[in-house]
Amino acid sequence: MGTSGCLPVRFRLNLYQTTVTVGRSADCDFSINNGKMDSKVKAIFSKQQFVIYRDCEKGVTFIKDLSTYGTYLNGVCIGKNNQNVLQRDDVIAVGKQDRKVFIYRCYSQEISYLPEELRGKYEPSVMLGKGAAGEVRLAFEKRTCEMFAIKKILKARSSTSQMSIYH
């Protein structure tokens, strides 16, 4: 992460709860004031920086910015009280886009079947249905959180793999 002013990704946060708040406040589920940490690092966090929450019914994880000076997802400011869908390997930064402090890792879902251009834009979620030729999954557009359906056609049943998106 060799950007000037970049912090090493140094925090580990295991999400066992459906909702986790992150910030300086002792009231946060993950308070960066706990443990030995440089005061300069602590100062870049708001009392409540962001909340990560999982919608178990839809099978998707969101991040919501609660900060004064910004929470960034992959270099783009989320904006106070706005939310985005979190995807595997998303980078979370605080205060400035180059202050990277977390990398989101999700090990619960396989998404390798999606073409690269869809992986960057959509987060697949729960299966809506399955048939002889394939399956349909709920998917969220990452920036807007808008819901879509993605149809995966199984190669074994078809001569070519096809992917369709329905709004």
C-alpha atoms as a PDB file:
ATOM      1  CA  MET A   1       0.000   0.000   0.000  1.00  0.00           C
ATOM      2  CA  GLY A   2       2.845   2.340  -0.867  1.00  0.00           C
ATOM      3  CA  THR A   3       0.865   5.576  -1.050  1.00  0.00           C
ATOM      4  CA  SER A   4       2.338   8.613   0.693  1.00  0.00           C
ATOM      5  CA  GLY A   5       0.700   9.120   4.087  1.00  0.00           C
ATOM      6  CA  CYS A   6      -0.740   5.618   3.997  1.00  0.00           C
ATOM      7  CA  LEU A   7      -1.206   3.758   7.235  1.00  0.00           C
ATOM      8  CA  PRO A   8      -0.385   0.089   7.257  1.00  0.00           C
ATOM      9  CA  VAL A   9      -3.528  -2.003   7.421  1.00  0.00           C
ATOM     10  CA  ARG A  10      -3.160  -2.847  11.063  1.00  0.00           C
ATOM     11  CA  PHE A  11      -6.529  -3.634  12.573  1.00  0.00           C
ATOM     12  CA  ARG A  12      -8.195  -7.013  12.600  1.00  0.00           C
ATOM     13  CA  LEU A  13     -11.901  -7.140  13.201  1.00  0.00           C
ATOM     14  CA  ASN A  14     -13.777 -10.428  13.131  1.00  0.00           C
ATOM     15  CA  LEU A  15     -17.479  -9.901  12.504  1.00  0.00           C
ATOM     16  CA  TYR A  16     -19.299 -12.348  14.731  1.00  0.00           C
ATOM     17  CA  GLN A  17     -22.160  -9.944  15.375  1.00  0.00           C
ATOM     18  CA  THR A  18     -24.574  -8.675  12.744  1.00  0.00           C
ATOM     19  CA  THR A  19     -23.661  -5.043  13.559  1.00  0.00           C
ATOM     20  CA  VAL A  20     -20.274  -3.618  14.575  1.00  0.00           C
ATOM     21  CA  THR A  21     -19.512   0.071  15.161  1.00  0.00           C
ATOM     22  CA  VAL A  22     -15.920   1.263  14.771  1.00  0.00           C
ATOM     23  CA  GLY A  23     -14.445   4.459  16.200  1.00  0.00           C
ATOM     24  CA  ARG A  24     -12.649   6.183  19.086  1.00  0.00           C
ATOM     25  CA  SER A  25     -15.530   6.009  21.543  1.00  0.00           C
ATOM     26  CA  ALA A  26     -15.468   3.378  24.273  1.00  0.00           C
ATOM     27  CA  ASP A  27     -19.131   2.774  23.344  1.00  0.00           C
ATOM     28  CA  CYS A  28     -18.084   1.383  19.938  1.00  0.00           C
ATOM     29  CA  ASP A  29     -18.002  -2.378  19.490  1.00  0.00           C
ATOM     30  CA  PHE A  30     -14.480  -1.952  18.125  1.00  0.00           C
ATOM     31  CA  SER A  31     -12.807   0.997  19.846  1.00  0.00           C
ATOM     32  CA  ILE A  32      -9.441   1.917  18.365  1.00  0.00           C
ATOM     33  CA  ASN A  33      -8.541   3.400  21.773  1.00  0.00           C
ATOM     34  CA  ASN A  34      -8.183  -0.119  23.154  1.00  0.00           C
ATOM     35  CA  GLY A  35      -4.622  -1.379  23.157  1.00  0.00           C
ATOM     36  CA  LYS A  36      -1.345   0.347  22.396  1.00  0.00           C
ATOM     37  CA  MET A  37      -1.679   2.561  19.382  1.00  0.00           C
ATOM     38  CA  ASP A  38       0.013   5.703  18.139  1.00  0.00           C
ATOM     39  CA  SER A  39      -1.974   8.821  19.117  1.00  0.00           C
ATOM     40  CA  LYS A  40      -1.697  10.092  15.524  1.00  0.00           C
ATOM     41  CA  VAL A  41      -3.564   7.005  14.326  1.00  0.00           C
ATOM     42  CA  LYS A  42      -6.239   7.420  17.006  1.00  0.00           C
ATOM     43  CA  ALA A  43      -6.734  11.074  16.061  1.00  0.00           C
ATOM     44  CA  ILE A  44      -7.855  10.284  12.502  1.00  0.00           C
ATOM     45  CA  PHE A  45     -10.884   8.326  13.710  1.00  0.00           C
ATOM     46  CA  SER A  46     -14.184   9.970  14.654  1.00  0.00           C
ATOM     47  CA  LYS A  47     -15.908   8.933  17.874  1.00  0.00           C
ATOM     48  CA  GLN A  48     -18.108   6.803  15.644  1.00  0.00           C
ATOM     49  CA  GLN A  49     -16.351   6.329  12.297  1.00  0.00           C
ATOM     50  CA  PHE A  50     -18.516   3.715  10.590  1.00  0.00           C
ATOM     51  CA  VAL A  51     -20.782   0.766  11.185  1.00  0.00           C
ATOM     52  CA  ILE A  52     -20.590  -2.549   9.375  1.00  0.00           C
ATOM     53  CA  TYR A  53     -23.764  -4.581   9.390  1.00  0.00           C
ATOM     54  CA  ARG A  54     -24.895  -7.792   7.802  1.00  0.00           C
ATOM     55  CA  ASP A  55     -28.381  -8.368   6.461  1.00  0.00           C
ATOM     56  CA  CYS A  56     -28.578 -12.100   7.169  1.00  0.00           C
ATOM     57  CA  GLU A  57     -31.837 -12.501   5.271  1.00  0.00           C
ATOM     58  CA  LYS A  58     -30.341 -11.066   2.073  1.00  0.00           C
ATOM     59  CA  GLY A  59     -26.850 -12.399   2.756  1.00  0.00           C
ATOM     60  CA  VAL A  60     -25.063  -9.107   2.142  1.00  0.00           C
ATOM     61  CA  THR A  61     -22.844  -6.827   4.250  1.00  0.00           C
ATOM     62  CA  PHE A  62     -23.031  -3.018   4.280  1.00  0.00           C
ATOM     63  CA  ILE A  63     -20.810  -0.218   5.556  1.00  0.00           C
ATOM     64  CA  LYS A  64     -22.369   3.078   6.681  1.00  0.00           C
ATOM     65  CA  ASP A  65     -20.269   6.213   7.219  1.00  0.00           C
ATOM     66  CA  LEU A  66     -20.956   7.904  10.573  1.00  0.00           C
ATOM     67  CA  SER A  67     -17.876  10.133  10.571  1.00  0.00           C
ATOM     68  CA  THR A  68     -17.205  13.837  10.428  1.00  0.00           C
ATOM     69  CA  TYR A  69     -14.181  13.693   8.104  1.00  0.00           C
ATOM     70  CA  GLY A  70     -15.059  10.775   5.883  1.00  0.00           C
ATOM     71  CA  THR A  71     -14.865   7.047   5.431  1.00  0.00           C
ATOM     72  CA  TYR A  72     -13.534   5.863   2.089  1.00  0.00           C
ATOM     73  CA  LEU A  73     -14.265   2.620   0.312  1.00  0.00           C
ATOM     74  CA  ASN A  74     -11.691   1.780  -2.368  1.00  0.00           C
ATOM     75  CA  GLY A  75     -10.641   5.441  -2.534  1.00  0.00           C
ATOM     76  CA  VAL A  76     -14.171   6.851  -2.881  1.00  0.00           C
ATOM     77  CA  CYS A  77     -15.786   8.814  -0.046  1.00  0.00           C
ATOM     78  CA  ILE A  78     -18.967   7.092   1.144  1.00  0.00           C
ATOM     79  CA  GLY A  79     -20.431  10.292   2.642  1.00  0.00           C
ATOM     80  CA  LYS A  80     -21.910  10.787   6.086  1.00  0.00           C
ATOM     81  CA  ASN A  81     -24.987   8.609   6.701  1.00  0.00           C
ATOM     82  CA  ASN A  82     -24.596   6.967   3.282  1.00  0.00           C
ATOM     83  CA  GLN A  83     -24.021   3.261   2.893  1.00  0.00           C
ATOM     84  CA  ASN A  84     -22.342   0.932   0.404  1.00  0.00           C
ATOM     85  CA  VAL A  85     -22.290  -2.800  -0.063  1.00  0.00           C
ATOM     86  CA  LEU A  86     -19.031  -4.362   1.107  1.00  0.00           C
ATOM     87  CA  GLN A  87     -17.350  -6.829  -1.240  1.00  0.00           C
ATOM     88  CA  ARG A  88     -14.421  -9.151  -0.725  1.00  0.00           C
ATOM     89  CA  ASP A  89     -11.066  -7.290  -0.625  1.00  0.00           C
ATOM     90  CA  ASP A  90     -12.637  -3.821  -0.355  1.00  0.00           C
ATOM     91  CA  VAL A  91     -10.245  -1.335   1.266  1.00  0.00           C
ATOM     92  CA  ILE A  92     -11.609   0.940   4.011  1.00  0.00           C
ATOM     93  CA  ALA A  93      -9.782   4.210   4.727  1.00  0.00           C
ATOM     94  CA  VAL A  94     -10.543   6.958   7.255  1.00  0.00           C
ATOM     95  CA  GLY A  95     -10.162  10.742   7.052  1.00  0.00           C
ATOM     96  CA  LYS A  96      -8.374  10.619   3.680  1.00  0.00           C
ATOM     97  CA  GLN A  97      -8.493   8.091   0.880  1.00  0.00           C
ATOM     98  CA  ASP A  98      -4.881   7.010   1.454  1.00  0.00           C
ATOM     99  CA  ARG A  99      -5.338   6.249   5.186  1.00  0.00           C
ATOM    100  CA  LYS A 100      -6.148   2.596   4.659  1.00  0.00           C
ATOM    101  CA  VAL A 101      -6.946   0.762   7.874  1.00  0.00           C
ATOM    102  CA  PHE A 102      -9.071  -2.284   6.975  1.00  0.00           C
ATOM    103  CA  ILE A 103      -9.416  -4.751   4.134  1.00  0.00           C
ATOM    104  CA  TYR A 104     -12.776  -6.491   4.126  1.00  0.00           C
ATOM    105  CA  ARG A 105     -12.552 -10.246   3.700  1.00  0.00           C
ATOM    106  CA  CYS A 106     -15.609 -12.416   3.339  1.00  0.00           C
ATOM    107  CA  TYR A 107     -15.071 -16.140   3.274  1.00  0.00           C
ATOM    108  CA  SER A 108     -18.688 -17.233   3.237  1.00  0.00           C
ATOM    109  CA  GLN A 109     -19.490 -16.969  -0.462  1.00  0.00           C
ATOM    110  CA  GLU A 110     -17.873 -18.132  -3.685  1.00  0.00           C
ATOM    111  CA  ILE A 111     -18.131 -15.528  -6.465  1.00  0.00           C
ATOM    112  CA  SER A 112     -15.565 -16.804  -8.959  1.00  0.00           C
ATOM    113  CA  TYR A 113     -18.359 -17.733 -11.382  1.00  0.00           C
ATOM    114  CA  LEU A 114     -19.009 -14.031 -12.011  1.00  0.00           C
ATOM    115  CA  PRO A 115     -17.091 -12.322 -14.815  1.00  0.00           C
ATOM    116  CA  GLU A 116     -14.593  -9.718 -13.544  1.00  0.00           C
ATOM    117  CA  GLU A 117     -16.692  -6.760 -14.782  1.00  0.00           C
ATOM    118  CA  LEU A 118     -19.671  -7.963 -12.709  1.00  0.00           C
ATOM    119  CA  ARG A 119     -17.590  -8.769  -9.596  1.00  0.00           C
ATOM    120  CA  GLY A 120     -16.492  -5.157  -9.366  1.00  0.00           C
ATOM    121  CA  LYS A 121     -20.012  -3.774  -9.627  1.00  0.00           C
ATOM    122  CA  TYR A 122     -22.329  -6.308  -7.934  1.00  0.00           C
ATOM    123  CA  GLU A 123     -22.323  -8.287  -4.704  1.00  0.00           C
ATOM    124  CA  PRO A 124     -24.219 -11.557  -5.076  1.00  0.00           C
ATOM    125  CA  SER A 125     -26.408 -12.584  -2.199  1.00  0.00           C
ATOM    126  CA  VAL A 126     -28.938 -15.291  -1.423  1.00  0.00           C
ATOM    127  CA  MET A 127     -30.187 -17.780  -3.969  1.00  0.00           C
ATOM    128  CA  LEU A 128     -33.662 -16.884  -5.197  1.00  0.00           C
ATOM    129  CA  GLY A 129     -34.226 -20.031  -7.194  1.00  0.00           C
ATOM    130  CA  LYS A 130     -32.606 -22.973  -8.904  1.00  0.00           C
ATOM    131  CA  GLY A 131     -33.616 -24.968 -11.944  1.00  0.00           C
ATOM    132  CA  ALA A 132     -32.294 -27.544 -14.363  1.00  0.00           C
ATOM    133  CA  ALA A 133     -30.263 -24.997 -16.348  1.00  0.00           C
ATOM    134  CA  GLY A 134     -28.934 -22.796 -13.557  1.00  0.00           C
ATOM    135  CA  GLU A 135     -29.687 -20.575 -10.600  1.00  0.00           C
ATOM    136  CA  VAL A 136     -30.843 -17.035  -9.858  1.00  0.00           C
ATOM    137  CA  ARG A 137     -29.296 -14.977  -7.055  1.00  0.00           C
ATOM    138  CA  LEU A 138     -30.208 -11.670  -5.503  1.00  0.00           C
ATOM    139  CA  ALA A 139     -27.411  -9.146  -6.118  1.00  0.00           C
ATOM    140  CA  PHE A 140     -26.765  -5.604  -4.917  1.00  0.00           C
ATOM    141  CA  GLU A 141     -25.209  -2.862  -7.013  1.00  0.00           C
ATOM    142  CA  LYS A 142     -22.279  -1.859  -4.865  1.00  0.00           C
ATOM    143  CA  ARG A 143     -22.549   1.960  -4.942  1.00  0.00           C
ATOM    144  CA  THR A 144     -26.334   2.380  -4.873  1.00  0.00           C
ATOM    145  CA  CYS A 145     -27.361  -0.779  -2.956  1.00  0.00           C
ATOM    146  CA  GLU A 146     -30.034  -1.288  -5.621  1.00  0.00           C
ATOM    147  CA  MET A 147     -31.280  -4.882  -5.908  1.00  0.00           C
ATOM    148  CA  PHE A 148     -30.928  -6.988  -9.055  1.00  0.00           C
ATOM    149  CA  ALA A 149     -31.258 -10.637  -9.977  1.00  0.00           C
ATOM    150  CA  ILE A 150     -28.303 -12.422 -11.561  1.00  0.00           C
ATOM    151  CA  LYS A 151     -28.950 -15.610 -13.470  1.00  0.00           C
ATOM    152  CA  LYS A 152     -26.145 -18.144 -13.714  1.00  0.00           C
ATOM    153  CA  ILE A 153     -26.526 -20.709 -16.482  1.00  0.00           C
ATOM    154  CA  LEU A 154     -24.575 -23.864 -15.736  1.00  0.00           C
ATOM    155  CA  LYS A 155     -22.023 -24.884 -18.402  1.00  0.00           C
ATOM    156  CA  ALA A 156     -22.816 -28.566 -18.035  1.00  0.00           C
ATOM    157  CA  ARG A 157     -26.362 -27.919 -19.223  1.00  0.00           C
ATOM    158  CA  SER A 158     -25.510 -25.391 -21.923  1.00  0.00           C
ATOM    159  CA  SER A 159     -22.827 -25.144 -24.577  1.00  0.00           C
ATOM    160  CA  THR A 160     -21.802 -21.671 -23.388  1.00  0.00           C
ATOM    161  CA  SER A 161     -21.927 -20.066 -19.979  1.00  0.00           C
ATOM    162  CA  GLN A 162     -24.247 -17.088 -19.913  1.00  0.00           C
ATOM    163  CA  MET A 163     -24.957 -14.475 -17.282  1.00  0.00           C
ATOM    164  CA  SER A 164     -28.010 -12.229 -17.270  1.00  0.00           C
ATOM    165  CA  ILE A 165     -28.889  -9.326 -15.014  1.00  0.00           C
ATOM    166  CA  TYR A 166     -32.493  -8.396 -14.376  1.00  0.00           C
ATOM    167  CA  HIS A 167     -33.622  -5.264 -12.660  1.00  0.00           C
END
